[in-house]
PDB file of all heavy atoms in Angstrom:
ATOM      1  N   PHE A   1     205.382  58.003 231.171  1.00  0.00           N
ATOM      2  CA  PHE A   1     203.948  57.828 231.402  1.00  0.00           C
ATOM      3  C   PHE A   1     203.534  56.391 231.140  1.00  0.00           C
ATOM      4  O   PHE A   1     202.821  55.772 231.948  1.00  0.00           O
ATOM      5  CB  PHE A   1     203.172  58.770 230.484  1.00  0.00           C
ATOM      6  CG  PHE A   1     201.672  58.684 230.636  1.00  0.00           C
ATOM      7  CD1 PHE A   1     201.030  59.293 231.699  1.00  0.00           C
ATOM      8  CD2 PHE A   1     200.912  57.983 229.714  1.00  0.00           C
ATOM      9  CE1 PHE A   1     199.649  59.209 231.845  1.00  0.00           C
ATOM     10  CE2 PHE A   1     199.530  57.898 229.845  1.00  0.00           C
ATOM     11  CZ  PHE A   1     198.897  58.509 230.916  1.00  0.00           C
ATOM     12  N   ARG A   2     203.980  55.828 230.025  1.00  0.00           N
ATOM     13  CA  ARG A   2     203.619  54.461 229.655  1.00  0.00           C
ATOM     14  C   ARG A   2     204.166  53.454 230.669  1.00  0.00           C
ATOM     15  O   ARG A   2     203.533  52.436 230.960  1.00  0.00           O
ATOM     16  CB  ARG A   2     204.157  54.139 228.263  1.00  0.00           C
ATOM     17  CG  ARG A   2     203.456  54.868 227.122  1.00  0.00           C
ATOM     18  CD  ARG A   2     204.166  54.624 225.797  1.00  0.00           C
ATOM     19  NE  ARG A   2     204.184  53.219 225.458  1.00  0.00           N
ATOM     20  CZ  ARG A   2     203.262  52.593 224.723  1.00  0.00           C
ATOM     21  NH1 ARG A   2     202.226  53.275 224.242  1.00  0.00           N
ATOM     22  NH2 ARG A   2     203.361  51.302 224.459  1.00  0.00           N
ATOM     23  N   LEU A   3     205.340  53.746 231.221  1.00  0.00           N
ATOM     24  CA  LEU A   3     206.018  52.816 232.114  1.00  0.00           C
ATOM     25  C   LEU A   3     205.749  53.112 233.592  1.00  0.00           C
ATOM     26  O   LEU A   3     206.456  52.605 234.468  1.00  0.00           O
ATOM     27  CB  LEU A   3     207.531  52.848 231.841  1.00  0.00           C
ATOM     28  CG  LEU A   3     207.934  52.360 230.449  1.00  0.00           C
ATOM     29  CD1 LEU A   3     209.367  52.786 230.121  1.00  0.00           C
ATOM     30  CD2 LEU A   3     207.797  50.845 230.340  1.00  0.00           C
ATOM     31  N   SER A   4     204.737  53.918 233.862  1.00  0.00           N
ATOM     32  CA  SER A   4     204.351  54.270 235.243  1.00  0.00           C
ATOM     33  C   SER A   4     205.509  54.874 236.029  1.00  0.00           C
ATOM     34  O   SER A   4     205.669  54.630 237.228  1.00  0.00           O
ATOM     35  CB  SER A   4     203.813  53.028 235.984  1.00  0.00           C
ATOM     36  OG  SER A   4     202.621  52.595 235.392  1.00  0.00           O
ATOM     37  N   ASN A   5     206.332  55.662 235.347  1.00  0.00           N
ATOM     38  CA  ASN A   5     207.447  56.356 235.990  1.00  0.00           C
ATOM     39  C   ASN A   5     207.111  57.860 236.007  1.00  0.00           C
ATOM     40  O   ASN A   5     207.790  58.672 235.390  1.00  0.00           O
ATOM     41  CB  ASN A   5     208.728  56.076 235.210  1.00  0.00           C
ATOM     42  CG  ASN A   5     209.964  56.660 235.853  1.00  0.00           C
ATOM     43  OD1 ASN A   5     210.969  56.877 235.198  1.00  0.00           O
ATOM     44  ND2 ASN A   5     209.919  56.959 237.134  1.00  0.00           N
ATOM     45  N   HIS A   6     206.011  58.182 236.719  1.00  0.00           N
ATOM     46  CA  HIS A   6     205.490  59.543 236.722  1.00  0.00           C
ATOM     47  C   HIS A   6     205.083  59.943 238.134  1.00  0.00           C
ATOM     48  O   HIS A   6     205.327  59.190 239.095  1.00  0.00           O
ATOM     49  CB  HIS A   6     204.293  59.649 235.776  1.00  0.00           C
ATOM     50  CG  HIS A   6     203.285  58.547 235.951  1.00  0.00           C
ATOM     51  ND1 HIS A   6     202.603  58.360 237.140  1.00  0.00           N
ATOM     52  CD2 HIS A   6     202.875  57.555 235.113  1.00  0.00           C
ATOM     53  CE1 HIS A   6     201.800  57.313 237.030  1.00  0.00           C
ATOM     54  NE2 HIS A   6     201.941  56.800 235.812  1.00  0.00           N
ATOM     55  N   THR A   7     204.453  61.108 238.264  1.00  0.00           N
ATOM     56  CA  THR A   7     204.090  61.624 239.594  1.00  0.00           C
ATOM     57  C   THR A   7     202.601  61.564 239.881  1.00  0.00           C
ATOM     58  O   THR A   7     202.137  62.161 240.859  1.00  0.00           O
ATOM     59  CB  THR A   7     204.566  63.090 239.733  1.00  0.00           C
ATOM     60  OG1 THR A   7     203.994  63.864 238.664  1.00  0.00           O
ATOM     61  CG2 THR A   7     206.081  63.186 239.675  1.00  0.00           C
ATOM     62  N   LEU A   8     201.837  60.857 239.056  1.00  0.00           N
ATOM     63  CA  LEU A   8     200.408  60.701 239.344  1.00  0.00           C
ATOM     64  C   LEU A   8     200.252  59.938 240.660  1.00  0.00           C
ATOM     65  O   LEU A   8     201.103  59.124 241.027  1.00  0.00           O
ATOM     66  CB  LEU A   8     199.712  59.957 238.210  1.00  0.00           C
ATOM     67  CG  LEU A   8     199.743  60.623 236.823  1.00  0.00           C
ATOM     68  CD1 LEU A   8     198.966  59.777 235.818  1.00  0.00           C
ATOM     69  CD2 LEU A   8     199.195  62.038 236.884  1.00  0.00           C
ATOM     70  N   MET A   9     199.152  60.143 241.329  1.00  0.00           N
ATOM     71  CA  MET A   9     198.962  59.570 242.667  1.00  0.00           C
ATOM     72  C   MET A   9     198.994  58.047 242.670  1.00  0.00           C
ATOM     73  O   MET A   9     199.422  57.432 243.647  1.00  0.00           O
ATOM     74  CB  MET A   9     197.643  60.071 243.261  1.00  0.00           C
ATOM     75  CG  MET A   9     197.586  61.585 243.442  1.00  0.00           C
ATOM     76  SD  MET A   9     198.935  62.228 244.446  1.00  0.00           S
ATOM     77  CE  MET A   9     198.391  61.742 246.074  1.00  0.00           C
ATOM     78  N   ILE A  10     198.539  57.425 241.577  1.00  0.00           N
ATOM     79  CA  ILE A  10     198.518  55.963 241.514  1.00  0.00           C
ATOM     80  C   ILE A  10     199.914  55.384 241.690  1.00  0.00           C
ATOM     81  O   ILE A  10     200.084  54.294 242.237  1.00  0.00           O
ATOM     82  CB  ILE A  10     197.893  55.483 240.169  1.00  0.00           C
ATOM     83  CG1 ILE A  10     197.620  53.988 240.200  1.00  0.00           C
ATOM     84  CG2 ILE A  10     198.786  55.851 238.995  1.00  0.00           C
ATOM     85  CD1 ILE A  10     196.559  53.566 241.166  1.00  0.00           C
ATOM     86  N   GLU A  11     200.928  56.146 241.257  1.00  0.00           N
ATOM     87  CA  GLU A  11     202.304  55.696 241.379  1.00  0.00           C
ATOM     88  C   GLU A  11     202.995  56.324 242.586  1.00  0.00           C
ATOM     89  O   GLU A  11     203.691  55.633 243.342  1.00  0.00           O
ATOM     90  CB  GLU A  11     203.086  56.038 240.105  1.00  0.00           C
ATOM     91  CG  GLU A  11     204.562  55.688 240.146  1.00  0.00           C
ATOM     92  CD  GLU A  11     204.839  54.204 240.324  1.00  0.00           C
ATOM     93  OE1 GLU A  11     203.933  53.385 240.087  1.00  0.00           O
ATOM     94  OE2 GLU A  11     205.973  53.862 240.729  1.00  0.00           O
ATOM     95  N   LYS A  12     202.787  57.606 242.784  1.00  0.00           N
ATOM     96  CA  LYS A  12     203.467  58.317 243.872  1.00  0.00           C
ATOM     97  C   LYS A  12     203.131  57.721 245.233  1.00  0.00           C
ATOM     98  O   LYS A  12     204.013  57.531 246.085  1.00  0.00           O
ATOM     99  CB  LYS A  12     203.079  59.795 243.840  1.00  0.00           C
ATOM    100  CG  LYS A  12     203.830  60.657 244.840  1.00  0.00           C
ATOM    101  CD  LYS A  12     203.453  62.119 244.674  1.00  0.00           C
ATOM    102  CE  LYS A  12     204.209  62.993 245.677  1.00  0.00           C
ATOM    103  NZ  LYS A  12     203.852  64.419 245.514  1.00  0.00           N
ATOM    104  N   GLU A  13     201.851  57.397 245.451  1.00  0.00           N
ATOM    105  CA  GLU A  13     201.441  56.891 246.758  1.00  0.00           C
ATOM    106  C   GLU A  13     201.592  55.376 246.878  1.00  0.00           C
ATOM    107  O   GLU A  13     201.340  54.818 247.933  1.00  0.00           O
ATOM    108  CB  GLU A  13     200.010  57.332 247.062  1.00  0.00           C
ATOM    109  CG  GLU A  13     199.902  58.841 247.241  1.00  0.00           C
ATOM    110  CD  GLU A  13     198.615  59.279 247.896  1.00  0.00           C
ATOM    111  OE1 GLU A  13     197.617  58.538 247.816  1.00  0.00           O
ATOM    112  OE2 GLU A  13     198.621  60.378 248.492  1.00  0.00           O
ATOM    113  N   ARG A  14     202.016  54.744 245.802  1.00  0.00           N
ATOM    114  CA  ARG A  14     202.351  53.310 245.884  1.00  0.00           C
ATOM    115  C   ARG A  14     203.569  53.122 246.775  1.00  0.00           C
ATOM    116  O   ARG A  14     203.684  52.125 247.493  1.00  0.00           O
ATOM    117  CB  ARG A  14     202.632  52.761 244.487  1.00  0.00           C
ATOM    118  CG  ARG A  14     202.861  51.250 244.435  1.00  0.00           C
ATOM    119  CD  ARG A  14     203.039  50.789 243.003  1.00  0.00           C
ATOM    120  NE  ARG A  14     204.287  51.265 242.457  1.00  0.00           N
ATOM    121  CZ  ARG A  14     205.454  50.637 242.626  1.00  0.00           C
ATOM    122  NH1 ARG A  14     205.508  49.517 243.326  1.00  0.00           N
ATOM    123  NH2 ARG A  14     206.552  51.115 242.104  1.00  0.00           N
ATOM    124  N   HIS A  15     204.473  54.099 246.738  1.00  0.00           N
ATOM    125  CA  HIS A  15     205.711  54.012 247.520  1.00  0.00           C
ATOM    126  C   HIS A  15     205.488  54.275 248.998  1.00  0.00           C
ATOM    127  O   HIS A  15     206.361  53.987 249.821  1.00  0.00           O
ATOM    128  CB  HIS A  15     206.745  54.997 246.969  1.00  0.00           C
ATOM    129  CG  HIS A  15     207.105  54.757 245.528  1.00  0.00           C
ATOM    130  ND1 HIS A  15     207.835  53.663 245.116  1.00  0.00           N
ATOM    131  CD2 HIS A  15     206.806  55.454 244.403  1.00  0.00           C
ATOM    132  CE1 HIS A  15     207.989  53.708 243.805  1.00  0.00           C
ATOM    133  NE2 HIS A  15     207.365  54.769 243.343  1.00  0.00           N
ATOM    134  N   THR A  16     204.337  54.825 249.339  1.00  0.00           N
ATOM    135  CA  THR A  16     204.024  55.070 250.749  1.00  0.00           C
ATOM    136  C   THR A  16     202.976  54.082 251.263  1.00  0.00           C
ATOM    137  O   THR A  16     202.391  54.288 252.324  1.00  0.00           O
ATOM    138  CB  THR A  16     203.519  56.515 250.953  1.00  0.00           C
ATOM    139  OG1 THR A  16     202.420  56.756 250.069  1.00  0.00           O
ATOM    140  CG2 THR A  16     204.628  57.514 250.642  1.00  0.00           C
ATOM    141  N   ASN A  17     202.736  53.038 250.471  1.00  0.00           N
ATOM    142  CA  ASN A  17     201.814  51.950 250.854  1.00  0.00           C
ATOM    143  C   ASN A  17     200.374  52.422 251.084  1.00  0.00           C
ATOM    144  O   ASN A  17     199.644  51.829 251.890  1.00  0.00           O
ATOM    145  CB  ASN A  17     202.332  51.236 252.107  1.00  0.00           C
ATOM    146  CG  ASN A  17     203.645  50.523 251.864  1.00  0.00           C
ATOM    147  OD1 ASN A  17     203.843  49.923 250.809  1.00  0.00           O
ATOM    148  ND2 ASN A  17     204.553  50.605 252.828  1.00  0.00           N
ATOM    149  N   ILE A  18     199.969  53.485 250.391  1.00  0.00           N
ATOM    150  CA  ILE A  18     198.577  53.934 250.449  1.00  0.00           C
ATOM    151  C   ILE A  18     197.729  52.976 249.621  1.00  0.00           C
ATOM    152  O   ILE A  18     198.133  52.559 248.532  1.00  0.00           O
ATOM    153  CB  ILE A  18     198.434  55.373 249.887  1.00  0.00           C
ATOM    154  CG1 ILE A  18     199.314  56.343 250.685  1.00  0.00           C
ATOM    155  CG2 ILE A  18     196.975  55.807 249.895  1.00  0.00           C
ATOM    156  CD1 ILE A  18     198.922  56.495 252.125  1.00  0.00           C
ATOM    157  N   ASP A  19     196.585  52.575 250.147  1.00  0.00           N
ATOM    158  CA  ASP A  19     195.702  51.664 249.427  1.00  0.00           C
ATOM    159  C   ASP A  19     195.363  52.235 248.049  1.00  0.00           C
ATOM    160  O   ASP A  19     195.150  53.440 247.895  1.00  0.00           O
ATOM    161  CB  ASP A  19     194.407  51.454 250.221  1.00  0.00           C
ATOM    162  CG  ASP A  19     193.529  50.381 249.593  1.00  0.00           C
ATOM    163  OD1 ASP A  19     193.726  49.197 249.895  1.00  0.00           O
ATOM    164  OD2 ASP A  19     192.645  50.769 248.792  1.00  0.00           O
ATOM    165  N   ARG A  20     195.321  51.364 247.051  1.00  0.00           N
ATOM    166  CA  ARG A  20     195.101  51.791 245.671  1.00  0.00           C
ATOM    167  C   ARG A  20     193.840  52.648 245.520  1.00  0.00           C
ATOM    168  O   ARG A  20     193.831  53.643 244.793  1.00  0.00           O
ATOM    169  CB  ARG A  20     195.011  50.554 244.760  1.00  0.00           C
ATOM    170  CG  ARG A  20     194.885  50.894 243.277  1.00  0.00           C
ATOM    171  CD  ARG A  20     194.821  49.629 242.427  1.00  0.00           C
ATOM    172  NE  ARG A  20     194.664  49.961 241.019  1.00  0.00           N
ATOM    173  CZ  ARG A  20     195.652  50.266 240.199  1.00  0.00           C
ATOM    174  NH1 ARG A  20     196.883  50.267 240.643  1.00  0.00           N
ATOM    175  NH2 ARG A  20     195.422  50.565 238.935  1.00  0.00           N
ATOM    176  N   ASN A  21     192.791  52.280 246.205  1.00  0.00           N
ATOM    177  CA  ASN A  21     191.518  53.007 246.102  1.00  0.00           C
ATOM    178  C   ASN A  21     191.566  54.389 246.746  1.00  0.00           C
ATOM    179  O   ASN A  21     190.657  55.200 246.549  1.00  0.00           O
ATOM    180  CB  ASN A  21     190.388  52.185 246.723  1.00  0.00           C
ATOM    181  CG  ASN A  21     190.099  50.912 245.944  1.00  0.00           C
ATOM    182  OD1 ASN A  21     190.206  50.886 244.725  1.00  0.00           O
ATOM    183  ND2 ASN A  21     189.737  49.854 246.650  1.00  0.00           N
ATOM    184  N   ASP A  22     192.615  54.650 247.535  1.00  0.00           N
ATOM    185  CA  ASP A  22     192.740  55.942 248.216  1.00  0.00           C
ATOM    186  C   ASP A  22     193.703  56.892 247.495  1.00  0.00           C
ATOM    187  O   ASP A  22     193.947  58.003 247.974  1.00  0.00           O
ATOM    188  CB  ASP A  22     193.219  55.740 249.657  1.00  0.00           C
ATOM    189  CG  ASP A  22     192.189  55.009 250.499  1.00  0.00           C
ATOM    190  OD1 ASP A  22     190.987  55.191 250.222  1.00  0.00           O
ATOM    191  OD2 ASP A  22     192.577  54.261 251.419  1.00  0.00           O
ATOM    192  N   ARG A  23     194.232  56.476 246.369  1.00  0.00           N
ATOM    193  CA  ARG A  23     195.177  57.327 245.633  1.00  0.00           C
ATOM    194  C   ARG A  23     194.402  58.238 244.676  1.00  0.00           C
ATOM    195  O   ARG A  23     194.451  58.096 243.463  1.00  0.00           O
ATOM    196  CB  ARG A  23     196.183  56.457 244.865  1.00  0.00           C
ATOM    197  CG  ARG A  23     196.961  55.495 245.756  1.00  0.00           C
ATOM    198  CD  ARG A  23     197.816  54.544 244.941  1.00  0.00           C
ATOM    199  NE  ARG A  23     198.215  53.381 245.722  1.00  0.00           N
ATOM    200  CZ  ARG A  23     198.860  52.327 245.234  1.00  0.00           C
ATOM    201  NH1 ARG A  23     199.176  52.285 243.944  1.00  0.00           N
ATOM    202  NH2 ARG A  23     199.179  51.307 246.009  1.00  0.00           N
ATOM    203  N   VAL A  24     193.689  59.164 245.265  1.00  0.00           N
ATOM    204  CA  VAL A  24     192.731  59.965 244.491  1.00  0.00           C
ATOM    205  C   VAL A  24     193.373  61.202 243.869  1.00  0.00           C
ATOM    206  O   VAL A  24     194.411  61.694 244.327  1.00  0.00           O
ATOM    207  CB  VAL A  24     191.539  60.391 245.369  1.00  0.00           C
ATOM    208  CG1 VAL A  24     190.752  59.184 245.813  1.00  0.00           C
ATOM    209  CG2 VAL A  24     192.018  61.206 246.567  1.00  0.00           C
ATOM    210  N   CYS A  25     192.718  61.704 242.848  1.00  0.00           N
ATOM    211  CA  CYS A  25     193.151  62.889 242.109  1.00  0.00           C
ATOM    212  C   CYS A  25     193.042  64.135 242.987  1.00  0.00           C
ATOM    213  O   CYS A  25     192.086  64.286 243.753  1.00  0.00           O
ATOM    214  CB  CYS A  25     192.294  63.031 240.850  1.00  0.00           C
ATOM    215  SG  CYS A  25     192.650  64.508 239.864  1.00  0.00           S
ATOM    216  N   TYR A  26     194.000  65.039 242.868  1.00  0.00           N
ATOM    217  CA  TYR A  26     193.989  66.294 243.618  1.00  0.00           C
ATOM    218  C   TYR A  26     192.757  67.134 243.288  1.00  0.00           C
ATOM    219  O   TYR A  26     192.266  67.901 244.109  1.00  0.00           O
ATOM    220  CB  TYR A  26     195.232  67.131 243.272  1.00  0.00           C
ATOM    221  CG  TYR A  26     196.464  66.768 244.044  1.00  0.00           C
ATOM    222  CD1 TYR A  26     197.494  66.056 243.442  1.00  0.00           C
ATOM    223  CD2 TYR A  26     196.632  67.155 245.373  1.00  0.00           C
ATOM    224  CE1 TYR A  26     198.642  65.730 244.140  1.00  0.00           C
ATOM    225  CE2 TYR A  26     197.776  66.839 246.093  1.00  0.00           C
ATOM    226  CZ  TYR A  26     198.788  66.126 245.467  1.00  0.00           C
ATOM    227  OH  TYR A  26     199.916  65.807 246.159  1.00  0.00           O
ATOM    228  N   PHE A  27     192.273  67.000 242.071  1.00  0.00           N
ATOM    229  CA  PHE A  27     191.235  67.898 241.581  1.00  0.00           C
ATOM    230  C   PHE A  27     189.852  67.251 241.515  1.00  0.00           C
ATOM    231  O   PHE A  27     188.847  67.949 241.432  1.00  0.00           O
ATOM    232  CB  PHE A  27     191.634  68.423 240.198  1.00  0.00           C
ATOM    233  CG  PHE A  27     193.090  68.816 240.134  1.00  0.00           C
ATOM    234  CD1 PHE A  27     194.009  68.001 239.496  1.00  0.00           C
ATOM    235  CD2 PHE A  27     193.532  69.974 240.737  1.00  0.00           C
ATOM    236  CE1 PHE A  27     195.359  68.348 239.450  1.00  0.00           C
ATOM    237  CE2 PHE A  27     194.874  70.339 240.699  1.00  0.00           C
ATOM    238  CZ  PHE A  27     195.792  69.521 240.053  1.00  0.00           C
ATOM    239  N   CYS A  28     189.801  65.916 241.521  1.00  0.00           N
ATOM    240  CA  CYS A  28     188.514  65.221 241.407  1.00  0.00           C
ATOM    241  C   CYS A  28     188.116  64.518 242.697  1.00  0.00           C
ATOM    242  O   CYS A  28     186.988  64.083 242.848  1.00  0.00           O
ATOM    243  CB  CYS A  28     188.555  64.229 240.244  1.00  0.00           C
ATOM    244  SG  CYS A  28     188.972  64.996 238.666  1.00  0.00           S
ATOM    245  N   GLU A  29     189.038  64.304 243.586  1.00  0.00           N
ATOM    246  CA  GLU A  29     188.846  63.771 244.935  1.00  0.00           C
ATOM    247  C   GLU A  29     188.199  62.389 245.006  1.00  0.00           C
ATOM    248  O   GLU A  29     188.654  61.541 245.744  1.00  0.00           O
ATOM    249  CB  GLU A  29     188.050  64.758 245.790  1.00  0.00           C
ATOM    250  CG  GLU A  29     188.812  66.047 246.042  1.00  0.00           C
ATOM    251  CD  GLU A  29     188.127  66.951 247.040  1.00  0.00           C
ATOM    252  OE1 GLU A  29     186.993  66.638 247.448  1.00  0.00           O
ATOM    253  OE2 GLU A  29     188.730  67.972 247.404  1.00  0.00           O
ATOM    254  N   ASN A  30     187.153  62.152 244.259  1.00  0.00           N
ATOM    255  CA  ASN A  30     186.494  60.847 244.321  1.00  0.00           C
ATOM    256  C   ASN A  30     186.986  59.880 243.241  1.00  0.00           C
ATOM    257  O   ASN A  30     186.496  58.762 243.137  1.00  0.00           O
ATOM    258  CB  ASN A  30     184.975  61.022 244.188  1.00  0.00           C
ATOM    259  CG  ASN A  30     184.390  61.769 245.371  1.00  0.00           C
ATOM    260  OD1 ASN A  30     184.836  61.590 246.500  1.00  0.00           O
ATOM    261  ND2 ASN A  30     183.399  62.612 245.107  1.00  0.00           N
TER     262      ASN A  30
END
């Protein structure tokens, strides 16, 4: 978690080149 080696969207979608602002939470959406 500390080293950003997790499955949160901020990290998971970094590998698919999704814009940082679009890496939203599954449950909070905004």
